Amino acid sequence: MNAMELRKGNWVLSPSPVQVETIGYEGINIDSFGKTSYPFEKLAGIPITRELLEEAHFIEGEKEFQGYIMSVLEREGKMEIYTFEDKTTLIEFPCQYVHQLQNLHFHLMGDELPQLSFI
């Protein structure tokens, strides 16, 4: 997993879901004392599913979202989210994993994605 994609509060797999508390040089910690850590190479993204998107109030198709156009599609069995400033300018922020969706939501809305039931 790429450390540059992570921030405090993100959910990732290792092998079960864990929430990032701190990020170090070699991995993440899931407690503020650094006693429970996971190396980056042992982490994976939690795939976005249709059910997860519905729970987070995203819908398939296009929706204007604070001046951005969000496009949610199912492609090759995976859910993907893309954002556009207008109908032609793609902002490079494709989402396939929960931590990417958390980061996108925070970037656009300024707050955290609501807690989801898989947690």
C-alpha atoms as a PDB file:
ATOM      1  CA  MET A   1       0.000   0.000   0.000  1.00  0.00           C
ATOM      2  CA  ASN A   2       1.203   3.492  -0.828  1.00  0.00           C
ATOM      3  CA  ALA A   3       1.692   5.535   2.365  1.00  0.00           C
ATOM      4  CA  MET A   4       0.905   8.744   0.442  1.00  0.00           C
ATOM      5  CA  GLU A   5      -2.735   7.589   0.075  1.00  0.00           C
ATOM      6  CA  LEU A   6      -3.284   7.246   3.813  1.00  0.00           C
ATOM      7  CA  ARG A   7      -4.294   9.630   6.560  1.00  0.00           C
ATOM      8  CA  LYS A   8      -5.475   9.257  10.139  1.00  0.00           C
ATOM      9  CA  GLY A   9      -8.921   7.666  10.298  1.00  0.00           C
ATOM     10  CA  ASN A  10      -8.632   5.657   7.053  1.00  0.00           C
ATOM     11  CA  TRP A  11      -9.803   2.043   7.059  1.00  0.00           C
ATOM     12  CA  VAL A  12      -7.598  -0.630   5.430  1.00  0.00           C
ATOM     13  CA  LEU A  13      -7.237  -4.433   5.529  1.00  0.00           C
ATOM     14  CA  SER A  14      -4.495  -6.251   7.419  1.00  0.00           C
ATOM     15  CA  PRO A  15      -6.052  -8.902   6.945  1.00  0.00           C
ATOM     16  CA  SER A  16      -9.175  -7.693   8.800  1.00  0.00           C
ATOM     17  CA  PRO A  17     -10.303  -4.039   8.777  1.00  0.00           C
ATOM     18  CA  VAL A  18      -8.136  -1.712  10.886  1.00  0.00           C
ATOM     19  CA  GLN A  19      -8.292   2.060  11.304  1.00  0.00           C
ATOM     20  CA  VAL A  20      -5.152   4.175  10.877  1.00  0.00           C
ATOM     21  CA  GLU A  21      -4.204   6.116  13.996  1.00  0.00           C
ATOM     22  CA  THR A  22      -0.675   7.194  13.007  1.00  0.00           C
ATOM     23  CA  ILE A  23       1.538   6.718   9.951  1.00  0.00           C
ATOM     24  CA  GLY A  24       5.238   5.951  10.290  1.00  0.00           C
ATOM     25  CA  TYR A  25       8.139   5.338   7.916  1.00  0.00           C
ATOM     26  CA  GLU A  26       7.502   1.609   7.601  1.00  0.00           C
ATOM     27  CA  GLY A  27       3.808   1.224   8.340  1.00  0.00           C
ATOM     28  CA  ILE A  28       0.747   2.312  10.286  1.00  0.00           C
ATOM     29  CA  ASN A  29      -0.187   2.157  13.951  1.00  0.00           C
ATOM     30  CA  ILE A  30      -3.731   1.506  15.075  1.00  0.00           C
ATOM     31  CA  ASP A  31      -3.218   2.889  18.565  1.00  0.00           C
ATOM     32  CA  SER A  32      -1.751   6.220  19.612  1.00  0.00           C
ATOM     33  CA  PHE A  33       1.099   4.540  21.503  1.00  0.00           C
ATOM     34  CA  GLY A  34       2.520   2.744  18.444  1.00  0.00           C
ATOM     35  CA  LYS A  35       2.214  -0.654  20.111  1.00  0.00           C
ATOM     36  CA  THR A  36       0.103  -2.226  17.374  1.00  0.00           C
ATOM     37  CA  SER A  37       1.643  -1.626  13.982  1.00  0.00           C
ATOM     38  CA  TYR A  38       1.292  -3.055  10.497  1.00  0.00           C
ATOM     39  CA  PRO A  39       3.897  -2.711   7.711  1.00  0.00           C
ATOM     40  CA  PHE A  40       2.709  -1.073   4.470  1.00  0.00           C
ATOM     41  CA  GLU A  41       3.394  -4.231   2.451  1.00  0.00           C
ATOM     42  CA  LYS A  42       0.892  -6.149   4.629  1.00  0.00           C
ATOM     43  CA  LEU A  43      -1.912  -3.615   4.047  1.00  0.00           C
ATOM     44  CA  ALA A  44      -4.559  -3.685   1.321  1.00  0.00           C
ATOM     45  CA  GLY A  45      -7.471  -1.494   0.369  1.00  0.00           C
ATOM     46  CA  ILE A  46     -11.042  -2.445   1.257  1.00  0.00           C
ATOM     47  CA  PRO A  47     -12.841  -2.689  -2.097  1.00  0.00           C
ATOM     48  CA  ILE A  48     -15.790  -0.362  -2.610  1.00  0.00           C
ATOM     49  CA  THR A  49     -19.032  -2.265  -3.148  1.00  0.00           C
ATOM     50  CA  ARG A  50     -22.428  -1.148  -4.383  1.00  0.00           C
ATOM     51  CA  GLU A  51     -23.863  -1.732  -0.885  1.00  0.00           C
ATOM     52  CA  LEU A  52     -21.159   0.391   0.728  1.00  0.00           C
ATOM     53  CA  LEU A  53     -21.783   3.240  -1.721  1.00  0.00           C
ATOM     54  CA  GLU A  54     -25.531   3.091  -1.084  1.00  0.00           C
ATOM     55  CA  GLU A  55     -24.912   3.169   2.676  1.00  0.00           C
ATOM     56  CA  ALA A  56     -22.682   6.244   2.178  1.00  0.00           C
ATOM     57  CA  HIS A  57     -25.469   7.865   0.079  1.00  0.00           C
ATOM     58  CA  PHE A  58     -23.663   7.722  -3.273  1.00  0.00           C
ATOM     59  CA  ILE A  59     -25.695   6.721  -6.297  1.00  0.00           C
ATOM     60  CA  GLU A  60     -24.710   5.266  -9.652  1.00  0.00           C
ATOM     61  CA  GLY A  61     -24.638   7.908 -12.387  1.00  0.00           C
ATOM     62  CA  GLU A  62     -23.698  11.562 -12.165  1.00  0.00           C
ATOM     63  CA  LYS A  63     -24.471  13.930  -9.316  1.00  0.00           C
ATOM     64  CA  GLU A  64     -23.350  17.499  -8.683  1.00  0.00           C
ATOM     65  CA  PHE A  65     -21.532  17.747  -5.393  1.00  0.00           C
ATOM     66  CA  GLN A  66     -20.454  21.249  -4.247  1.00  0.00           C
ATOM     67  CA  GLY A  67     -19.417  22.381  -7.726  1.00  0.00           C
ATOM     68  CA  TYR A  68     -17.958  18.996  -8.677  1.00  0.00           C
ATOM     69  CA  ILE A  69     -19.626  16.356 -10.784  1.00  0.00           C
ATOM     70  CA  MET A  70     -19.289  12.883  -9.288  1.00  0.00           C
ATOM     71  CA  SER A  71     -19.549   9.917 -11.597  1.00  0.00           C
ATOM     72  CA  VAL A  72     -20.109   6.534  -9.968  1.00  0.00           C
ATOM     73  CA  LEU A  73     -19.832   3.530 -12.264  1.00  0.00           C
ATOM     74  CA  GLU A  74     -19.538  -0.201 -12.108  1.00  0.00           C
ATOM     75  CA  ARG A  75     -16.806  -1.391 -14.441  1.00  0.00           C
ATOM     76  CA  GLU A  76     -15.495  -4.941 -14.731  1.00  0.00           C
ATOM     77  CA  GLY A  77     -17.170  -5.876 -11.460  1.00  0.00           C
ATOM     78  CA  LYS A  78     -15.606  -2.977  -9.515  1.00  0.00           C
ATOM     79  CA  MET A  79     -17.223   0.219  -8.327  1.00  0.00           C
ATOM     80  CA  GLU A  80     -15.300   3.345  -9.360  1.00  0.00           C
ATOM     81  CA  ILE A  81     -15.837   7.020  -8.609  1.00  0.00           C
ATOM     82  CA  TYR A  82     -14.482   9.860 -10.719  1.00  0.00           C
ATOM     83  CA  THR A  83     -14.821  13.583 -10.190  1.00  0.00           C
ATOM     84  CA  PHE A  84     -15.055  16.339 -12.776  1.00  0.00           C
ATOM     85  CA  GLU A  85     -14.834  20.114 -12.393  1.00  0.00           C
ATOM     86  CA  ASP A  86     -17.181  20.329 -15.332  1.00  0.00           C
ATOM     87  CA  LYS A  87     -18.386  17.845 -17.928  1.00  0.00           C
ATOM     88  CA  THR A  88     -14.971  17.737 -19.600  1.00  0.00           C
ATOM     89  CA  THR A  89     -12.240  18.193 -16.968  1.00  0.00           C
ATOM     90  CA  LEU A  90     -11.442  15.029 -15.039  1.00  0.00           C
ATOM     91  CA  ILE A  91      -9.825  15.454 -11.653  1.00  0.00           C
ATOM     92  CA  GLU A  92      -7.487  12.506 -11.248  1.00  0.00           C
ATOM     93  CA  PHE A  93      -9.003  10.895  -8.184  1.00  0.00           C
ATOM     94  CA  PRO A  94     -10.402   7.499  -9.168  1.00  0.00           C
ATOM     95  CA  CYS A  95     -11.638   5.524  -6.168  1.00  0.00           C
ATOM     96  CA  GLN A  96     -11.714   1.767  -5.867  1.00  0.00           C
ATOM     97  CA  TYR A  97     -11.077   1.425  -2.120  1.00  0.00           C
ATOM     98  CA  VAL A  98     -12.690   2.706   1.082  1.00  0.00           C
ATOM     99  CA  HIS A  99      -9.651   4.784   2.151  1.00  0.00           C
ATOM    100  CA  GLN A 100      -9.723   6.567  -1.242  1.00  0.00           C
ATOM    101  CA  LEU A 101     -13.450   7.246  -0.839  1.00  0.00           C
ATOM    102  CA  GLN A 102     -12.816   8.589   2.684  1.00  0.00           C
ATOM    103  CA  ASN A 103     -10.125  10.919   1.333  1.00  0.00           C
ATOM    104  CA  LEU A 104     -12.283  12.098  -1.588  1.00  0.00           C
ATOM    105  CA  HIS A 105     -15.257  12.787   0.700  1.00  0.00           C
ATOM    106  CA  PHE A 106     -13.033  14.738   3.106  1.00  0.00           C
ATOM    107  CA  HIS A 107     -11.467  16.714   0.237  1.00  0.00           C
ATOM    108  CA  LEU A 108     -14.823  17.698  -1.278  1.00  0.00           C
ATOM    109  CA  MET A 109     -17.009  18.008   1.813  1.00  0.00           C
ATOM    110  CA  GLY A 110     -14.545  18.962   4.551  1.00  0.00           C
ATOM    111  CA  ASP A 111     -15.788  16.280   6.918  1.00  0.00           C
ATOM    112  CA  GLU A 112     -15.473  12.550   7.444  1.00  0.00           C
ATOM    113  CA  LEU A 113     -17.468   9.899   5.648  1.00  0.00           C
ATOM    114  CA  PRO A 114     -20.145   8.558   8.023  1.00  0.00           C
ATOM    115  CA  GLN A 115     -19.206   5.321   9.824  1.00  0.00           C
ATOM    116  CA  LEU A 116     -20.113   2.323   7.708  1.00  0.00           C
ATOM    117  CA  SER A 117     -21.608  -0.970   8.887  1.00  0.00           C
ATOM    118  CA  PHE A 118     -18.638  -3.156   7.889  1.00  0.00           C
ATOM    119  CA  ILE A 119     -16.735  -1.590  10.773  1.00  0.00           C
END
